[in-house]
Amino acid sequence: LRPARCFYWCQMVKAYQFEVPGPPVPQP
């Protein structure tokens, strides 16, 4: 048995990778 309310959330959890174009900017 598993909690029904977290079933949809468990299907959506995955790793994400994305790129932000342009030079990195440090916090001043």
mmCIF file of all heavy atoms, coordinates in Angstrom:
data_MODEL
# 
_entry.id   MODEL 
# 
loop_
_atom_site.group_PDB 
_atom_site.id 
_atom_site.type_symbol 
_atom_site.label_atom_id 
_atom_site.label_alt_id 
_atom_site.label_comp_id 
_atom_site.label_asym_id 
_atom_site.label_entity_id 
_atom_site.label_seq_id 
_atom_site.pdbx_PDB_ins_code 
_atom_site.Cartn_x 
_atom_site.Cartn_y 
_atom_site.Cartn_z 
_atom_site.occupancy 
_atom_site.B_iso_or_equiv 
_atom_site.pdbx_formal_charge 
_atom_site.auth_seq_id 
_atom_site.auth_comp_id 
_atom_site.auth_asym_id 
_atom_site.auth_atom_id 
_atom_site.pdbx_PDB_model_num 
ATOM 1   N N   . LEU A 1 1  ? 0.837  -1.181 0.000   1.00 0.00 ? 1  LEU A N   1 
ATOM 2   C CA  . LEU A 1 1  ? 0.000  0.000  0.000   1.00 0.00 ? 1  LEU A CA  1 
ATOM 3   C C   . LEU A 1 1  ? 0.876  1.235  0.000   1.00 0.00 ? 1  LEU A C   1 
ATOM 4   O O   . LEU A 1 1  ? 1.955  1.239  0.559   1.00 0.00 ? 1  LEU A O   1 
ATOM 5   C CB  . LEU A 1 1  ? -0.916 0.012  1.234   1.00 0.00 ? 1  LEU A CB  1 
ATOM 6   C CG  . LEU A 1 1  ? -1.890 -1.173 1.347   1.00 0.00 ? 1  LEU A CG  1 
ATOM 7   C CD1 . LEU A 1 1  ? -2.680 -1.062 2.635   1.00 0.00 ? 1  LEU A CD1 1 
ATOM 8   C CD2 . LEU A 1 1  ? -2.829 -1.216 0.151   1.00 0.00 ? 1  LEU A CD2 1 
ATOM 9   N N   . ARG A 1 2  ? 0.426  2.298  -0.634  1.00 0.00 ? 2  ARG A N   1 
ATOM 10  C CA  . ARG A 1 2  ? 1.164  3.545  -0.693  1.00 0.00 ? 2  ARG A CA  1 
ATOM 11  C C   . ARG A 1 2  ? 0.181  4.707  -0.606  1.00 0.00 ? 2  ARG A C   1 
ATOM 12  O O   . ARG A 1 2  ? -0.978 4.571  -0.989  1.00 0.00 ? 2  ARG A O   1 
ATOM 13  C CB  . ARG A 1 2  ? 1.980  3.644  -1.984  1.00 0.00 ? 2  ARG A CB  1 
ATOM 14  C CG  . ARG A 1 2  ? 1.159  3.499  -3.239  1.00 0.00 ? 2  ARG A CG  1 
ATOM 15  C CD  . ARG A 1 2  ? 2.046  3.343  -4.473  1.00 0.00 ? 2  ARG A CD  1 
ATOM 16  N NE  . ARG A 1 2  ? 1.256  3.073  -5.668  1.00 0.00 ? 2  ARG A NE  1 
ATOM 17  C CZ  . ARG A 1 2  ? 1.786  2.744  -6.828  1.00 0.00 ? 2  ARG A CZ  1 
ATOM 18  N NH1 . ARG A 1 2  ? 3.090  2.649  -6.958  1.00 0.00 ? 2  ARG A NH1 1 
ATOM 19  N NH2 . ARG A 1 2  ? 1.018  2.513  -7.876  1.00 0.00 ? 2  ARG A NH2 1 
ATOM 20  N N   . PRO A 1 3  ? 0.597  5.856  -0.074  1.00 0.00 ? 3  PRO A N   1 
ATOM 21  C CA  . PRO A 1 3  ? -0.323 6.993  0.049   1.00 0.00 ? 3  PRO A CA  1 
ATOM 22  C C   . PRO A 1 3  ? -0.831 7.449  -1.311  1.00 0.00 ? 3  PRO A C   1 
ATOM 23  O O   . PRO A 1 3  ? -0.055 7.686  -2.236  1.00 0.00 ? 3  PRO A O   1 
ATOM 24  C CB  . PRO A 1 3  ? 0.552  8.070  0.696   1.00 0.00 ? 3  PRO A CB  1 
ATOM 25  C CG  . PRO A 1 3  ? 1.665  7.314  1.349   1.00 0.00 ? 3  PRO A CG  1 
ATOM 26  C CD  . PRO A 1 3  ? 1.900  6.119  0.485   1.00 0.00 ? 3  PRO A CD  1 
ATOM 27  N N   . ALA A 1 4  ? -2.131 7.581  -1.445  1.00 0.00 ? 4  ALA A N   1 
ATOM 28  C CA  . ALA A 1 4  ? -2.720 7.969  -2.727  1.00 0.00 ? 4  ALA A CA  1 
ATOM 29  C C   . ALA A 1 4  ? -2.402 9.413  -3.068  1.00 0.00 ? 4  ALA A C   1 
ATOM 30  O O   . ALA A 1 4  ? -2.216 9.763  -4.228  1.00 0.00 ? 4  ALA A O   1 
ATOM 31  C CB  . ALA A 1 4  ? -4.238 7.762  -2.696  1.00 0.00 ? 4  ALA A CB  1 
ATOM 32  N N   . ARG A 1 5  ? -2.321 10.282 -2.062  1.00 0.00 ? 5  ARG A N   1 
ATOM 33  C CA  . ARG A 1 5  ? -2.146 11.705 -2.338  1.00 0.00 ? 5  ARG A CA  1 
ATOM 34  C C   . ARG A 1 5  ? -0.759 12.019 -2.897  1.00 0.00 ? 5  ARG A C   1 
ATOM 35  O O   . ARG A 1 5  ? -0.564 13.067 -3.483  1.00 0.00 ? 5  ARG A O   1 
ATOM 36  C CB  . ARG A 1 5  ? -2.380 12.525 -1.082  1.00 0.00 ? 5  ARG A CB  1 
ATOM 37  C CG  . ARG A 1 5  ? -1.338 12.341 -0.007  1.00 0.00 ? 5  ARG A CG  1 
ATOM 38  C CD  . ARG A 1 5  ? -1.653 13.210 1.196   1.00 0.00 ? 5  ARG A CD  1 
ATOM 39  N NE  . ARG A 1 5  ? -0.665 13.092 2.243   1.00 0.00 ? 5  ARG A NE  1 
ATOM 40  C CZ  . ARG A 1 5  ? 0.463  13.777 2.272   1.00 0.00 ? 5  ARG A CZ  1 
ATOM 41  N NH1 . ARG A 1 5  ? 0.749  14.621 1.305   1.00 0.00 ? 5  ARG A NH1 1 
ATOM 42  N NH2 . ARG A 1 5  ? 1.320  13.627 3.265   1.00 0.00 ? 5  ARG A NH2 1 
ATOM 43  N N   . CYS A 1 6  ? 0.233  11.153 -2.697  1.00 0.00 ? 6  CYS A N   1 
ATOM 44  C CA  . CYS A 1 6  ? 1.573  11.425 -3.213  1.00 0.00 ? 6  CYS A CA  1 
ATOM 45  C C   . CYS A 1 6  ? 1.862  10.643 -4.485  1.00 0.00 ? 6  CYS A C   1 
ATOM 46  O O   . CYS A 1 6  ? 2.964  10.699 -4.999  1.00 0.00 ? 6  CYS A O   1 
ATOM 47  C CB  . CYS A 1 6  ? 2.643  11.103 -2.152  1.00 0.00 ? 6  CYS A CB  1 
ATOM 48  S SG  . CYS A 1 6  ? 2.990  9.349  -1.979  1.00 0.00 ? 6  CYS A SG  1 
ATOM 49  N N   . PHE A 1 7  ? 0.864  9.895  -5.010  1.00 0.00 ? 7  PHE A N   1 
ATOM 50  C CA  . PHE A 1 7  ? 1.128  9.078  -6.187  1.00 0.00 ? 7  PHE A CA  1 
ATOM 51  C C   . PHE A 1 7  ? 1.509  9.938  -7.383  1.00 0.00 ? 7  PHE A C   1 
ATOM 52  O O   . PHE A 1 7  ? 2.506  9.690  -8.059  1.00 0.00 ? 7  PHE A O   1 
ATOM 53  C CB  . PHE A 1 7  ? -0.119 8.252  -6.528  1.00 0.00 ? 7  PHE A CB  1 
ATOM 54  C CG  . PHE A 1 7  ? 0.024  7.457  -7.807  1.00 0.00 ? 7  PHE A CG  1 
ATOM 55  C CD1 . PHE A 1 7  ? 0.805  6.320  -7.844  1.00 0.00 ? 7  PHE A CD1 1 
ATOM 56  C CD2 . PHE A 1 7  ? -0.619 7.868  -8.965  1.00 0.00 ? 7  PHE A CD2 1 
ATOM 57  C CE1 . PHE A 1 7  ? 0.948  5.594  -9.016  1.00 0.00 ? 7  PHE A CE1 1 
ATOM 58  C CE2 . PHE A 1 7  ? -0.484 7.148  -10.139 1.00 0.00 ? 7  PHE A CE2 1 
ATOM 59  C CZ  . PHE A 1 7  ? 0.288  6.015  -10.156 1.00 0.00 ? 7  PHE A CZ  1 
ATOM 60  N N   . TYR A 1 8  ? 0.735  11.009 -7.632  1.00 0.00 ? 8  TYR A N   1 
ATOM 61  C CA  . TYR A 1 8  ? 1.031  11.865 -8.780  1.00 0.00 ? 8  TYR A CA  1 
ATOM 62  C C   . TYR A 1 8  ? 2.372  12.568 -8.592  1.00 0.00 ? 8  TYR A C   1 
ATOM 63  O O   . TYR A 1 8  ? 3.156  12.706 -9.530  1.00 0.00 ? 8  TYR A O   1 
ATOM 64  C CB  . TYR A 1 8  ? -0.079 12.901 -8.962  1.00 0.00 ? 8  TYR A CB  1 
ATOM 65  C CG  . TYR A 1 8  ? 0.152  13.841 -10.118 1.00 0.00 ? 8  TYR A CG  1 
ATOM 66  C CD1 . TYR A 1 8  ? 0.120  13.374 -11.433 1.00 0.00 ? 8  TYR A CD1 1 
ATOM 67  C CD2 . TYR A 1 8  ? 0.424  15.184 -9.899  1.00 0.00 ? 8  TYR A CD2 1 
ATOM 68  C CE1 . TYR A 1 8  ? 0.343  14.235 -12.492 1.00 0.00 ? 8  TYR A CE1 1 
ATOM 69  C CE2 . TYR A 1 8  ? 0.647  16.044 -10.948 1.00 0.00 ? 8  TYR A CE2 1 
ATOM 70  C CZ  . TYR A 1 8  ? 0.602  15.563 -12.243 1.00 0.00 ? 8  TYR A CZ  1 
ATOM 71  O OH  . TYR A 1 8  ? 0.837  16.423 -13.292 1.00 0.00 ? 8  TYR A OH  1 
ATOM 72  N N   . TRP A 1 9  ? 2.655  13.023 -7.353  1.00 0.00 ? 9  TRP A N   1 
ATOM 73  C CA  . TRP A 1 9  ? 3.929  13.694 -7.092  1.00 0.00 ? 9  TRP A CA  1 
ATOM 74  C C   . TRP A 1 9  ? 5.105  12.754 -7.340  1.00 0.00 ? 9  TRP A C   1 
ATOM 75  O O   . TRP A 1 9  ? 6.126  13.127 -7.896  1.00 0.00 ? 9  TRP A O   1 
ATOM 76  C CB  . TRP A 1 9  ? 3.937  14.216 -5.663  1.00 0.00 ? 9  TRP A CB  1 
ATOM 77  C CG  . TRP A 1 9  ? 5.306  14.536 -5.129  1.00 0.00 ? 9  TRP A CG  1 
ATOM 78  C CD1 . TRP A 1 9  ? 5.942  13.935 -4.105  1.00 0.00 ? 9  TRP A CD1 1 
ATOM 79  C CD2 . TRP A 1 9  ? 6.203  15.533 -5.610  1.00 0.00 ? 9  TRP A CD2 1 
ATOM 80  N NE1 . TRP A 1 9  ? 7.175  14.473 -3.901  1.00 0.00 ? 9  TRP A NE1 1 
ATOM 81  C CE2 . TRP A 1 9  ? 7.359  15.461 -4.820  1.00 0.00 ? 9  TRP A CE2 1 
ATOM 82  C CE3 . TRP A 1 9  ? 6.148  16.472 -6.640  1.00 0.00 ? 9  TRP A CE3 1 
ATOM 83  C CZ2 . TRP A 1 9  ? 8.449  16.286 -5.016  1.00 0.00 ? 9  TRP A CZ2 1 
ATOM 84  C CZ3 . TRP A 1 9  ? 7.238  17.301 -6.831  1.00 0.00 ? 9  TRP A CZ3 1 
ATOM 85  C CH2 . TRP A 1 9  ? 8.365  17.206 -6.033  1.00 0.00 ? 9  TRP A CH2 1 
ATOM 86  N N   . CYS A 1 10 ? 4.967  11.478 -6.931  1.00 0.00 ? 10 CYS A N   1 
ATOM 87  C CA  . CYS A 1 10 ? 6.052  10.518 -7.126  1.00 0.00 ? 10 CYS A CA  1 
ATOM 88  C C   . CYS A 1 10 ? 6.343  10.294 -8.605  1.00 0.00 ? 10 CYS A C   1 
ATOM 89  O O   . CYS A 1 10 ? 7.484  10.023 -8.979  1.00 0.00 ? 10 CYS A O   1 
ATOM 90  C CB  . CYS A 1 10 ? 5.702  9.187  -6.453  1.00 0.00 ? 10 CYS A CB  1 
ATOM 91  S SG  . CYS A 1 10 ? 5.587  9.294  -4.653  1.00 0.00 ? 10 CYS A SG  1 
ATOM 92  N N   . GLN A 1 11 ? 5.311  10.406 -9.444  1.00 0.00 ? 11 GLN A N   1 
ATOM 93  C CA  . GLN A 1 11 ? 5.534  10.238 -10.872 1.00 0.00 ? 11 GLN A CA  1 
ATOM 94  C C   . GLN A 1 11 ? 6.258  11.438 -11.484 1.00 0.00 ? 11 GLN A C   1 
ATOM 95  O O   . GLN A 1 11 ? 6.898  11.336 -12.527 1.00 0.00 ? 11 GLN A O   1 
ATOM 96  C CB  . GLN A 1 11 ? 4.186  10.039 -11.591 1.00 0.00 ? 11 GLN A CB  1 
ATOM 97  C CG  . GLN A 1 11 ? 3.347  8.909  -11.030 1.00 0.00 ? 11 GLN A CG  1 
ATOM 98  C CD  . GLN A 1 11 ? 4.093  7.600  -10.999 1.00 0.00 ? 11 GLN A CD  1 
ATOM 99  O OE1 . GLN A 1 11 ? 4.660  7.184  -12.001 1.00 0.00 ? 11 GLN A OE1 1 
ATOM 100 N NE2 . GLN A 1 11 ? 4.097  6.937  -9.854  1.00 0.00 ? 11 GLN A NE2 1 
ATOM 101 N N   . MET A 1 12 ? 6.151  12.623 -10.843 1.00 0.00 ? 12 MET A N   1 
ATOM 102 C CA  . MET A 1 12 ? 6.721  13.841 -11.404 1.00 0.00 ? 12 MET A CA  1 
ATOM 103 C C   . MET A 1 12 ? 8.146  14.107 -10.946 1.00 0.00 ? 12 MET A C   1 
ATOM 104 O O   . MET A 1 12 ? 8.848  14.910 -11.547 1.00 0.00 ? 12 MET A O   1 
ATOM 105 C CB  . MET A 1 12 ? 5.832  15.040 -11.030 1.00 0.00 ? 12 MET A CB  1 
ATOM 106 C CG  . MET A 1 12 ? 4.440  14.989 -11.619 1.00 0.00 ? 12 MET A CG  1 
ATOM 107 S SD  . MET A 1 12 ? 4.445  14.951 -13.427 1.00 0.00 ? 12 MET A SD  1 
ATOM 108 C CE  . MET A 1 12 ? 5.267  16.497 -13.790 1.00 0.00 ? 12 MET A CE  1 
ATOM 109 N N   . VAL A 1 13 ? 8.594  13.463 -9.858  1.00 0.00 ? 13 VAL A N   1 
ATOM 110 C CA  . VAL A 1 13 ? 9.928  13.717 -9.335  1.00 0.00 ? 13 VAL A CA  1 
ATOM 111 C C   . VAL A 1 13 ? 10.963 13.129 -10.280 1.00 0.00 ? 13 VAL A C   1 
ATOM 112 O O   . VAL A 1 13 ? 10.958 11.937 -10.574 1.00 0.00 ? 13 VAL A O   1 
ATOM 113 C CB  . VAL A 1 13 ? 10.090 13.122 -7.926  1.00 0.00 ? 13 VAL A CB  1 
ATOM 114 C CG1 . VAL A 1 13 ? 11.539 13.209 -7.472  1.00 0.00 ? 13 VAL A CG1 1 
ATOM 115 C CG2 . VAL A 1 13 ? 9.203  13.852 -6.952  1.00 0.00 ? 13 VAL A CG2 1 
ATOM 116 N N   . LYS A 1 14 ? 11.854 13.960 -10.762 1.00 0.00 ? 14 LYS A N   1 
ATOM 117 C CA  . LYS A 1 14 ? 12.936 13.523 -11.621 1.00 0.00 ? 14 LYS A CA  1 
ATOM 118 C C   . LYS A 1 14 ? 14.029 14.573 -11.581 1.00 0.00 ? 14 LYS A C   1 
ATOM 119 O O   . LYS A 1 14 ? 13.903 15.613 -10.939 1.00 0.00 ? 14 LYS A O   1 
ATOM 120 C CB  . LYS A 1 14 ? 12.456 13.305 -13.048 1.00 0.00 ? 14 LYS A CB  1 
ATOM 121 C CG  . LYS A 1 14 ? 11.926 14.565 -13.731 1.00 0.00 ? 14 LYS A CG  1 
ATOM 122 C CD  . LYS A 1 14 ? 11.502 14.264 -15.156 1.00 0.00 ? 14 LYS A CD  1 
ATOM 123 C CE  . LYS A 1 14 ? 11.025 15.524 -15.863 1.00 0.00 ? 14 LYS A CE  1 
ATOM 124 N NZ  . LYS A 1 14 ? 10.638 15.263 -17.267 1.00 0.00 ? 14 LYS A NZ  1 
ATOM 125 N N   . ALA A 1 15 ? 15.142 14.273 -12.229 1.00 0.00 ? 15 ALA A N   1 
ATOM 126 C CA  . ALA A 1 15 ? 16.244 15.231 -12.283 1.00 0.00 ? 15 ALA A CA  1 
ATOM 127 C C   . ALA A 1 15 ? 15.993 16.214 -13.425 1.00 0.00 ? 15 ALA A C   1 
ATOM 128 O O   . ALA A 1 15 ? 15.418 15.862 -14.462 1.00 0.00 ? 15 ALA A O   1 
ATOM 129 C CB  . ALA A 1 15 ? 17.568 14.499 -12.495 1.00 0.00 ? 15 ALA A CB  1 
ATOM 130 N N   . TYR A 1 16 ? 16.427 17.440 -13.220 1.00 0.00 ? 16 TYR A N   1 
ATOM 131 C CA  . TYR A 1 16 ? 16.245 18.492 -14.211 1.00 0.00 ? 16 TYR A CA  1 
ATOM 132 C C   . TYR A 1 16 ? 17.598 19.111 -14.536 1.00 0.00 ? 16 TYR A C   1 
ATOM 133 O O   . TYR A 1 16 ? 18.421 19.342 -13.646 1.00 0.00 ? 16 TYR A O   1 
ATOM 134 C CB  . TYR A 1 16 ? 15.297 19.575 -13.694 1.00 0.00 ? 16 TYR A CB  1 
ATOM 135 C CG  . TYR A 1 16 ? 13.900 19.078 -13.416 1.00 0.00 ? 16 TYR A CG  1 
ATOM 136 C CD1 . TYR A 1 16 ? 13.560 18.585 -12.158 1.00 0.00 ? 16 TYR A CD1 1 
ATOM 137 C CD2 . TYR A 1 16 ? 12.936 19.087 -14.406 1.00 0.00 ? 16 TYR A CD2 1 
ATOM 138 C CE1 . TYR A 1 16 ? 12.284 18.125 -11.905 1.00 0.00 ? 16 TYR A CE1 1 
ATOM 139 C CE2 . TYR A 1 16 ? 11.656 18.629 -14.161 1.00 0.00 ? 16 TYR A CE2 1 
ATOM 140 C CZ  . TYR A 1 16 ? 11.340 18.145 -12.913 1.00 0.00 ? 16 TYR A CZ  1 
ATOM 141 O OH  . TYR A 1 16 ? 10.072 17.683 -12.666 1.00 0.00 ? 16 TYR A OH  1 
ATOM 142 N N   . GLN A 1 17 ? 17.815 19.374 -15.805 1.00 0.00 ? 17 GLN A N   1 
ATOM 143 C CA  . GLN A 1 17 ? 19.035 20.049 -16.239 1.00 0.00 ? 17 GLN A CA  1 
ATOM 144 C C   . GLN A 1 17 ? 18.672 21.074 -17.308 1.00 0.00 ? 17 GLN A C   1 
ATOM 145 O O   . GLN A 1 17 ? 17.944 20.773 -18.253 1.00 0.00 ? 17 GLN A O   1 
ATOM 146 C CB  . GLN A 1 17 ? 20.046 19.048 -16.802 1.00 0.00 ? 17 GLN A CB  1 
ATOM 147 C CG  . GLN A 1 17 ? 21.345 19.703 -17.271 1.00 0.00 ? 17 GLN A CG  1 
ATOM 148 C CD  . GLN A 1 17 ? 22.407 18.681 -17.661 1.00 0.00 ? 17 GLN A CD  1 
ATOM 149 O OE1 . GLN A 1 17 ? 22.530 17.638 -17.033 1.00 0.00 ? 17 GLN A OE1 1 
ATOM 150 N NE2 . GLN A 1 17 ? 23.152 18.963 -18.706 1.00 0.00 ? 17 GLN A NE2 1 
ATOM 151 N N   . PHE A 1 18 ? 19.176 22.296 -17.141 1.00 0.00 ? 18 PHE A N   1 
ATOM 152 C CA  . PHE A 1 18 ? 18.875 23.357 -18.109 1.00 0.00 ? 18 PHE A CA  1 
ATOM 153 C C   . PHE A 1 18 ? 20.025 24.341 -18.137 1.00 0.00 ? 18 PHE A C   1 
ATOM 154 O O   . PHE A 1 18 ? 20.867 24.370 -17.233 1.00 0.00 ? 18 PHE A O   1 
ATOM 155 C CB  . PHE A 1 18 ? 17.552 24.062 -17.770 1.00 0.00 ? 18 PHE A CB  1 
ATOM 156 C CG  . PHE A 1 18 ? 17.339 24.319 -16.306 1.00 0.00 ? 18 PHE A CG  1 
ATOM 157 C CD1 . PHE A 1 18 ? 17.844 25.459 -15.696 1.00 0.00 ? 18 PHE A CD1 1 
ATOM 158 C CD2 . PHE A 1 18 ? 16.643 23.414 -15.525 1.00 0.00 ? 18 PHE A CD2 1 
ATOM 159 C CE1 . PHE A 1 18 ? 17.647 25.702 -14.352 1.00 0.00 ? 18 PHE A CE1 1 
ATOM 160 C CE2 . PHE A 1 18 ? 16.434 23.647 -14.172 1.00 0.00 ? 18 PHE A CE2 1 
ATOM 161 C CZ  . PHE A 1 18 ? 16.944 24.804 -13.585 1.00 0.00 ? 18 PHE A CZ  1 
ATOM 162 N N   . GLU A 1 19 ? 20.078 25.127 -19.224 1.00 0.00 ? 19 GLU A N   1 
ATOM 163 C CA  . GLU A 1 19 ? 21.151 26.090 -19.437 1.00 0.00 ? 19 GLU A CA  1 
ATOM 164 C C   . GLU A 1 19 ? 20.596 27.511 -19.442 1.00 0.00 ? 19 GLU A C   1 
ATOM 165 O O   . GLU A 1 19 ? 19.529 27.771 -19.986 1.00 0.00 ? 19 GLU A O   1 
ATOM 166 C CB  . GLU A 1 19 ? 21.859 25.827 -20.770 1.00 0.00 ? 19 GLU A CB  1 
ATOM 167 C CG  . GLU A 1 19 ? 22.608 24.512 -20.835 1.00 0.00 ? 19 GLU A CG  1 
ATOM 168 C CD  . GLU A 1 19 ? 23.362 24.353 -22.149 1.00 0.00 ? 19 GLU A CD  1 
ATOM 169 O OE1 . GLU A 1 19 ? 23.346 25.310 -22.963 1.00 0.00 ? 19 GLU A OE1 1 
ATOM 170 O OE2 . GLU A 1 19 ? 23.957 23.288 -22.374 1.00 0.00 ? 19 GLU A OE2 1 
ATOM 171 N N   . VAL A 1 20 ? 21.359 28.414 -18.829 1.00 0.00 ? 20 VAL A N   1 
ATOM 172 C CA  . VAL A 1 20 ? 21.044 29.838 -18.868 1.00 0.00 ? 20 VAL A CA  1 
ATOM 173 C C   . VAL A 1 20 ? 22.095 30.503 -19.750 1.00 0.00 ? 20 VAL A C   1 
ATOM 174 O O   . VAL A 1 20 ? 23.278 30.517 -19.401 1.00 0.00 ? 20 VAL A O   1 
ATOM 175 C CB  . VAL A 1 20 ? 21.073 30.452 -17.453 1.00 0.00 ? 20 VAL A CB  1 
ATOM 176 C CG1 . VAL A 1 20 ? 20.753 31.943 -17.521 1.00 0.00 ? 20 VAL A CG1 1 
ATOM 177 C CG2 . VAL A 1 20 ? 20.101 29.726 -16.532 1.00 0.00 ? 20 VAL A CG2 1 
ATOM 178 N N   . PRO A 1 21 ? 21.727 31.015 -20.907 1.00 0.00 ? 21 PRO A N   1 
ATOM 179 C CA  . PRO A 1 21 ? 22.722 31.605 -21.813 1.00 0.00 ? 21 PRO A CA  1 
ATOM 180 C C   . PRO A 1 21 ? 23.281 32.916 -21.267 1.00 0.00 ? 21 PRO A C   1 
ATOM 181 O O   . PRO A 1 21 ? 22.624 33.629 -20.506 1.00 0.00 ? 21 PRO A O   1 
ATOM 182 C CB  . PRO A 1 21 ? 21.929 31.833 -23.105 1.00 0.00 ? 21 PRO A CB  1 
ATOM 183 C CG  . PRO A 1 21 ? 20.506 31.970 -22.661 1.00 0.00 ? 21 PRO A CG  1 
ATOM 184 C CD  . PRO A 1 21 ? 20.357 31.083 -21.461 1.00 0.00 ? 21 PRO A CD  1 
ATOM 185 N N   . GLY A 1 22 ? 24.508 33.218 -21.681 1.00 0.00 ? 22 GLY A N   1 
ATOM 186 C CA  . GLY A 1 22 ? 25.133 34.468 -21.268 1.00 0.00 ? 22 GLY A CA  1 
ATOM 187 C C   . GLY A 1 22 ? 26.169 34.260 -20.174 1.00 0.00 ? 22 GLY A C   1 
ATOM 188 O O   . GLY A 1 22 ? 26.175 33.235 -19.487 1.00 0.00 ? 22 GLY A O   1 
ATOM 189 N N   . PRO A 1 23 ? 27.065 35.233 -19.987 1.00 0.00 ? 23 PRO A N   1 
ATOM 190 C CA  . PRO A 1 23 ? 28.115 35.116 -18.963 1.00 0.00 ? 23 PRO A CA  1 
ATOM 191 C C   . PRO A 1 23 ? 27.519 35.037 -17.557 1.00 0.00 ? 23 PRO A C   1 
ATOM 192 O O   . PRO A 1 23 ? 26.562 35.751 -17.241 1.00 0.00 ? 23 PRO A O   1 
ATOM 193 C CB  . PRO A 1 23 ? 28.930 36.403 -19.139 1.00 0.00 ? 23 PRO A CB  1 
ATOM 194 C CG  . PRO A 1 23 ? 28.594 36.900 -20.512 1.00 0.00 ? 23 PRO A CG  1 
ATOM 195 C CD  . PRO A 1 23 ? 27.191 36.475 -20.773 1.00 0.00 ? 23 PRO A CD  1 
ATOM 196 N N   . PRO A 1 24 ? 28.066 34.188 -16.678 1.00 0.00 ? 24 PRO A N   1 
ATOM 197 C CA  . PRO A 1 24 ? 27.610 34.148 -15.283 1.00 0.00 ? 24 PRO A CA  1 
ATOM 198 C C   . PRO A 1 24 ? 27.909 35.468 -14.573 1.00 0.00 ? 24 PRO A C   1 
ATOM 199 O O   . PRO A 1 24 ? 28.898 36.140 -14.873 1.00 0.00 ? 24 PRO A O   1 
ATOM 200 C CB  . PRO A 1 24 ? 28.427 33.000 -14.675 1.00 0.00 ? 24 PRO A CB  1 
ATOM 201 C CG  . PRO A 1 24 ? 28.881 32.180 -15.847 1.00 0.00 ? 24 PRO A CG  1 
ATOM 202 C CD  . PRO A 1 24 ? 29.058 33.142 -16.972 1.00 0.00 ? 24 PRO A CD  1 
ATOM 203 N N   . VAL A 1 25 ? 27.052 35.836 -13.639 1.00 0.00 ? 25 VAL A N   1 
ATOM 204 C CA  . VAL A 1 25 ? 27.203 37.086 -12.895 1.00 0.00 ? 25 VAL A CA  1 
ATOM 205 C C   . VAL A 1 25 ? 27.200 36.768 -11.397 1.00 0.00 ? 25 VAL A C   1 
ATOM 206 O O   . VAL A 1 25 ? 26.234 36.189 -10.896 1.00 0.00 ? 25 VAL A O   1 
ATOM 207 C CB  . VAL A 1 25 ? 26.070 38.086 -13.208 1.00 0.00 ? 25 VAL A CB  1 
ATOM 208 C CG1 . VAL A 1 25 ? 26.273 39.383 -12.432 1.00 0.00 ? 25 VAL A CG1 1 
ATOM 209 C CG2 . VAL A 1 25 ? 26.001 38.355 -14.707 1.00 0.00 ? 25 VAL A CG2 1 
ATOM 210 N N   . PRO A 1 26 ? 28.251 37.121 -10.660 1.00 0.00 ? 26 PRO A N   1 
ATOM 211 C CA  . PRO A 1 26 ? 28.266 36.865 -9.213  1.00 0.00 ? 26 PRO A CA  1 
ATOM 212 C C   . PRO A 1 26 ? 27.411 37.874 -8.460  1.00 0.00 ? 26 PRO A C   1 
ATOM 213 O O   . PRO A 1 26 ? 27.194 38.991 -8.924  1.00 0.00 ? 26 PRO A O   1 
ATOM 214 C CB  . PRO A 1 26 ? 29.752 37.009 -8.852  1.00 0.00 ? 26 PRO A CB  1 
ATOM 215 C CG  . PRO A 1 26 ? 30.281 37.970 -9.864  1.00 0.00 ? 26 PRO A CG  1 
ATOM 216 C CD  . PRO A 1 26 ? 29.519 37.706 -11.135 1.00 0.00 ? 26 PRO A CD  1 
ATOM 217 N N   . GLN A 1 27 ? 26.945 37.458 -7.302  1.00 0.00 ? 27 GLN A N   1 
ATOM 218 C CA  . GLN A 1 27 ? 26.203 38.362 -6.432  1.00 0.00 ? 27 GLN A CA  1 
ATOM 219 C C   . GLN A 1 27 ? 27.156 39.420 -5.881  1.00 0.00 ? 27 GLN A C   1 
ATOM 220 O O   . GLN A 1 27 ? 28.152 39.093 -5.241  1.00 0.00 ? 27 GLN A O   1 
ATOM 221 C CB  . GLN A 1 27 ? 25.570 37.583 -5.275  1.00 0.00 ? 27 GLN A CB  1 
ATOM 222 C CG  . GLN A 1 27 ? 24.849 38.434 -4.253  1.00 0.00 ? 27 GLN A CG  1 
ATOM 223 C CD  . GLN A 1 27 ? 23.567 39.027 -4.796  1.00 0.00 ? 27 GLN A CD  1 
ATOM 224 O OE1 . GLN A 1 27 ? 22.922 38.446 -5.653  1.00 0.00 ? 27 GLN A OE1 1 
ATOM 225 N NE2 . GLN A 1 27 ? 23.187 40.175 -4.275  1.00 0.00 ? 27 GLN A NE2 1 
ATOM 226 N N   . PRO A 1 28 ? 26.890 40.714 -6.106  1.00 0.00 ? 28 PRO A N   1 
ATOM 227 C CA  . PRO A 1 28 ? 27.803 41.757 -5.617  1.00 0.00 ? 28 PRO A CA  1 
ATOM 228 C C   . PRO A 1 28 ? 27.596 42.029 -4.135  1.00 0.00 ? 28 PRO A C   1 
ATOM 229 O O   . PRO A 1 28 ? 26.580 41.645 -3.540  1.00 0.00 ? 28 PRO A O   1 
ATOM 230 C CB  . PRO A 1 28 ? 27.416 42.977 -6.449  1.00 0.00 ? 28 PRO A CB  1 
ATOM 231 C CG  . PRO A 1 28 ? 25.953 42.779 -6.702  1.00 0.00 ? 28 PRO A CG  1 
ATOM 232 C CD  . PRO A 1 28 ? 25.752 41.286 -6.842  1.00 0.00 ? 28 PRO A CD  1 
# 
